[in-house]
């Protein structure tokens, strides 16, 4: 296990949660970073990603305008701020660091549960 997520938990409809991801094993600065999620009975899907410099970000249509990805290369961390949460955001959220097909690392996942 190379990455460690934290910050998951439970929220009411329209609430907010913030996820963090870090690793003591290597420097994240050269890696593209992303957040994925997997809901029960569904495939893992991409939520958001950010370039190594932080200059470029992308979001799934389902979270645009509600979620914000950011990174702090000095702290070796990546974040996902989730606002206006909906029940359909309920899933296990995974942090990913990608450099090459051989340098592609995942965290263990953190549960996010949103109730209506």
C-alpha atoms as a PDB file:
ATOM      1  CA  UNK A   1       0.000   0.000   0.000  1.00  0.00           C
ATOM      2  CA  UNK A   2       1.568   3.240  -1.120  1.00  0.00           C
ATOM      3  CA  UNK A   3      -1.051   5.899  -0.538  1.00  0.00           C
ATOM      4  CA  UNK A   4      -3.163   6.597   2.535  1.00  0.00           C
ATOM      5  CA  UNK A   5      -6.521   8.337   2.333  1.00  0.00           C
ATOM      6  CA  UNK A   6      -8.258  10.041   5.238  1.00  0.00           C
ATOM      7  CA  UNK A   7     -11.285  12.200   5.854  1.00  0.00           C
ATOM      8  CA  UNK A   8     -14.120   9.975   4.760  1.00  0.00           C
ATOM      9  CA  UNK A   9     -17.235   9.595   6.830  1.00  0.00           C
ATOM     10  CA  UNK A  10     -20.924  10.377   6.842  1.00  0.00           C
ATOM     11  CA  UNK A  11     -22.776  13.446   5.669  1.00  0.00           C
ATOM     12  CA  UNK A  12     -26.303  14.620   5.272  1.00  0.00           C
ATOM     13  CA  UNK A  13     -27.682  15.688   1.908  1.00  0.00           C
ATOM     14  CA  UNK A  14     -25.984  18.899   0.726  1.00  0.00           C
ATOM     15  CA  UNK A  15     -23.282  18.539   3.324  1.00  0.00           C
ATOM     16  CA  UNK A  16     -19.523  18.685   2.843  1.00  0.00           C
ATOM     17  CA  UNK A  17     -16.577  16.391   3.406  1.00  0.00           C
ATOM     18  CA  UNK A  18     -12.904  16.774   2.683  1.00  0.00           C
ATOM     19  CA  UNK A  19     -10.600  13.927   1.705  1.00  0.00           C
ATOM     20  CA  UNK A  20      -6.829  13.887   1.966  1.00  0.00           C
ATOM     21  CA  UNK A  21      -4.215  11.545   0.567  1.00  0.00           C
ATOM     22  CA  UNK A  22      -0.554  11.262   1.445  1.00  0.00           C
ATOM     23  CA  UNK A  23       2.384   8.917   1.207  1.00  0.00           C
ATOM     24  CA  UNK A  24       5.665   8.673   3.098  1.00  0.00           C
ATOM     25  CA  UNK A  25       7.110   6.380   0.439  1.00  0.00           C
ATOM     26  CA  UNK A  26       7.815   8.639  -2.502  1.00  0.00           C
ATOM     27  CA  UNK A  27       7.504  12.200  -3.756  1.00  0.00           C
ATOM     28  CA  UNK A  28       4.182  12.965  -5.372  1.00  0.00           C
ATOM     29  CA  UNK A  29       5.369  16.072  -7.192  1.00  0.00           C
ATOM     30  CA  UNK A  30       6.091  14.276 -10.473  1.00  0.00           C
ATOM     31  CA  UNK A  31       2.840  12.321 -10.480  1.00  0.00           C
ATOM     32  CA  UNK A  32      -0.544  13.040 -11.894  1.00  0.00           C
ATOM     33  CA  UNK A  33      -2.983  12.527  -9.025  1.00  0.00           C
ATOM     34  CA  UNK A  34      -6.578  11.529  -9.038  1.00  0.00           C
ATOM     35  CA  UNK A  35      -9.573  10.439  -7.049  1.00  0.00           C
ATOM     36  CA  UNK A  36     -11.734   7.487  -8.037  1.00  0.00           C
ATOM     37  CA  UNK A  37     -14.788   5.980  -6.382  1.00  0.00           C
ATOM     38  CA  UNK A  38     -16.622   2.697  -6.346  1.00  0.00           C
ATOM     39  CA  UNK A  39     -20.183   2.335  -5.217  1.00  0.00           C
ATOM     40  CA  UNK A  40     -21.636  -1.055  -4.219  1.00  0.00           C
ATOM     41  CA  UNK A  41     -22.321  -3.170  -7.277  1.00  0.00           C
ATOM     42  CA  UNK A  42     -20.728  -0.664  -9.626  1.00  0.00           C
ATOM     43  CA  UNK A  43     -17.393  -0.337 -11.367  1.00  0.00           C
ATOM     44  CA  UNK A  44     -14.724   2.031 -10.143  1.00  0.00           C
ATOM     45  CA  UNK A  45     -15.054   5.418 -11.829  1.00  0.00           C
ATOM     46  CA  UNK A  46     -12.857   8.470 -12.120  1.00  0.00           C
ATOM     47  CA  UNK A  47     -13.975  11.476 -10.111  1.00  0.00           C
ATOM     48  CA  UNK A  48     -11.252  14.051 -10.624  1.00  0.00           C
ATOM     49  CA  UNK A  49      -7.602  14.392 -11.533  1.00  0.00           C
ATOM     50  CA  UNK A  50      -4.897  17.028 -11.350  1.00  0.00           C
ATOM     51  CA  UNK A  51      -1.660  17.456 -13.225  1.00  0.00           C
ATOM     52  CA  UNK A  52       1.730  17.308 -11.540  1.00  0.00           C
ATOM     53  CA  UNK A  53       1.998  21.108 -11.453  1.00  0.00           C
ATOM     54  CA  UNK A  54      -1.591  21.556 -10.392  1.00  0.00           C
ATOM     55  CA  UNK A  55      -2.279  23.756 -13.394  1.00  0.00           C
ATOM     56  CA  UNK A  56      -4.745  21.352 -15.004  1.00  0.00           C
ATOM     57  CA  UNK A  57      -7.738  19.652 -13.427  1.00  0.00           C
ATOM     58  CA  UNK A  58     -10.583  17.516 -14.709  1.00  0.00           C
ATOM     59  CA  UNK A  59     -13.855  16.411 -13.184  1.00  0.00           C
ATOM     60  CA  UNK A  60     -16.530  13.862 -13.918  1.00  0.00           C
ATOM     61  CA  UNK A  61     -19.710  15.522 -15.077  1.00  0.00           C
ATOM     62  CA  UNK A  62     -21.514  14.208 -12.016  1.00  0.00           C
ATOM     63  CA  UNK A  63     -19.310  16.217  -9.632  1.00  0.00           C
ATOM     64  CA  UNK A  64     -18.499  19.359 -11.617  1.00  0.00           C
ATOM     65  CA  UNK A  65     -19.199  22.480  -9.633  1.00  0.00           C
ATOM     66  CA  UNK A  66     -19.430  20.534  -6.381  1.00  0.00           C
ATOM     67  CA  UNK A  67     -16.024  18.904  -5.922  1.00  0.00           C
ATOM     68  CA  UNK A  68     -12.603  20.553  -5.996  1.00  0.00           C
ATOM     69  CA  UNK A  69      -9.293  18.730  -6.297  1.00  0.00           C
ATOM     70  CA  UNK A  70      -6.073  20.347  -5.153  1.00  0.00           C
ATOM     71  CA  UNK A  71      -2.553  19.366  -4.279  1.00  0.00           C
ATOM     72  CA  UNK A  72       0.254  20.642  -2.106  1.00  0.00           C
ATOM     73  CA  UNK A  73       3.543  19.322  -3.418  1.00  0.00           C
ATOM     74  CA  UNK A  74       5.445  20.815  -0.491  1.00  0.00           C
ATOM     75  CA  UNK A  75       3.349  18.711   1.887  1.00  0.00           C
ATOM     76  CA  UNK A  76       3.237  15.745  -0.501  1.00  0.00           C
ATOM     77  CA  UNK A  77      -0.534  15.631  -0.368  1.00  0.00           C
ATOM     78  CA  UNK A  78      -3.626  15.739  -2.552  1.00  0.00           C
ATOM     79  CA  UNK A  79      -7.101  16.770  -1.456  1.00  0.00           C
ATOM     80  CA  UNK A  80     -10.696  16.466  -2.572  1.00  0.00           C
ATOM     81  CA  UNK A  81     -13.171  18.994  -1.228  1.00  0.00           C
ATOM     82  CA  UNK A  82     -16.694  17.676  -1.672  1.00  0.00           C
ATOM     83  CA  UNK A  83     -19.603  20.080  -1.301  1.00  0.00           C
ATOM     84  CA  UNK A  84     -23.329  19.752  -1.896  1.00  0.00           C
ATOM     85  CA  UNK A  85     -23.097  16.020  -1.365  1.00  0.00           C
ATOM     86  CA  UNK A  86     -25.827  13.751  -2.669  1.00  0.00           C
ATOM     87  CA  UNK A  87     -26.723  10.143  -1.819  1.00  0.00           C
ATOM     88  CA  UNK A  88     -25.353   9.082  -5.208  1.00  0.00           C
ATOM     89  CA  UNK A  89     -21.909  10.235  -4.041  1.00  0.00           C
ATOM     90  CA  UNK A  90     -21.894   7.363  -1.556  1.00  0.00           C
ATOM     91  CA  UNK A  91     -18.925   5.152  -2.396  1.00  0.00           C
ATOM     92  CA  UNK A  92     -15.462   4.112  -1.372  1.00  0.00           C
ATOM     93  CA  UNK A  93     -13.086   6.821  -2.566  1.00  0.00           C
ATOM     94  CA  UNK A  94      -9.591   5.926  -3.723  1.00  0.00           C
ATOM     95  CA  UNK A  95      -6.549   8.091  -4.239  1.00  0.00           C
ATOM     96  CA  UNK A  96      -4.344   7.361  -7.263  1.00  0.00           C
ATOM     97  CA  UNK A  97      -0.862   8.498  -8.245  1.00  0.00           C
ATOM     98  CA  UNK A  98       0.123   7.878 -11.848  1.00  0.00           C
ATOM     99  CA  UNK A  99       3.453   8.404 -13.588  1.00  0.00           C
ATOM    100  CA  UNK A 100       3.784   5.382 -15.874  1.00  0.00           C
ATOM    101  CA  UNK A 101       2.038   2.034 -16.140  1.00  0.00           C
ATOM    102  CA  UNK A 102       4.635   0.678 -13.730  1.00  0.00           C
ATOM    103  CA  UNK A 103       4.431   3.655 -11.405  1.00  0.00           C
ATOM    104  CA  UNK A 104       0.717   3.616 -10.728  1.00  0.00           C
ATOM    105  CA  UNK A 105      -0.244   3.525  -7.072  1.00  0.00           C
ATOM    106  CA  UNK A 106      -3.481   3.290  -5.109  1.00  0.00           C
ATOM    107  CA  UNK A 107      -4.657   3.850  -1.586  1.00  0.00           C
ATOM    108  CA  UNK A 108      -6.793   1.494   0.450  1.00  0.00           C
ATOM    109  CA  UNK A 109      -9.906   3.615   0.063  1.00  0.00           C
ATOM    110  CA  UNK A 110     -12.065   5.606   2.443  1.00  0.00           C
ATOM    111  CA  UNK A 111     -15.825   5.292   2.805  1.00  0.00           C
ATOM    112  CA  UNK A 112     -18.094   8.248   2.099  1.00  0.00           C
ATOM    113  CA  UNK A 113     -21.757   7.856   2.957  1.00  0.00           C
ATOM    114  CA  UNK A 114     -24.367  10.495   2.200  1.00  0.00           C
ATOM    115  CA  UNK A 115     -27.885  10.196   3.575  1.00  0.00           C
ATOM    116  CA  UNK A 116     -30.952  12.039   2.396  1.00  0.00           C
END
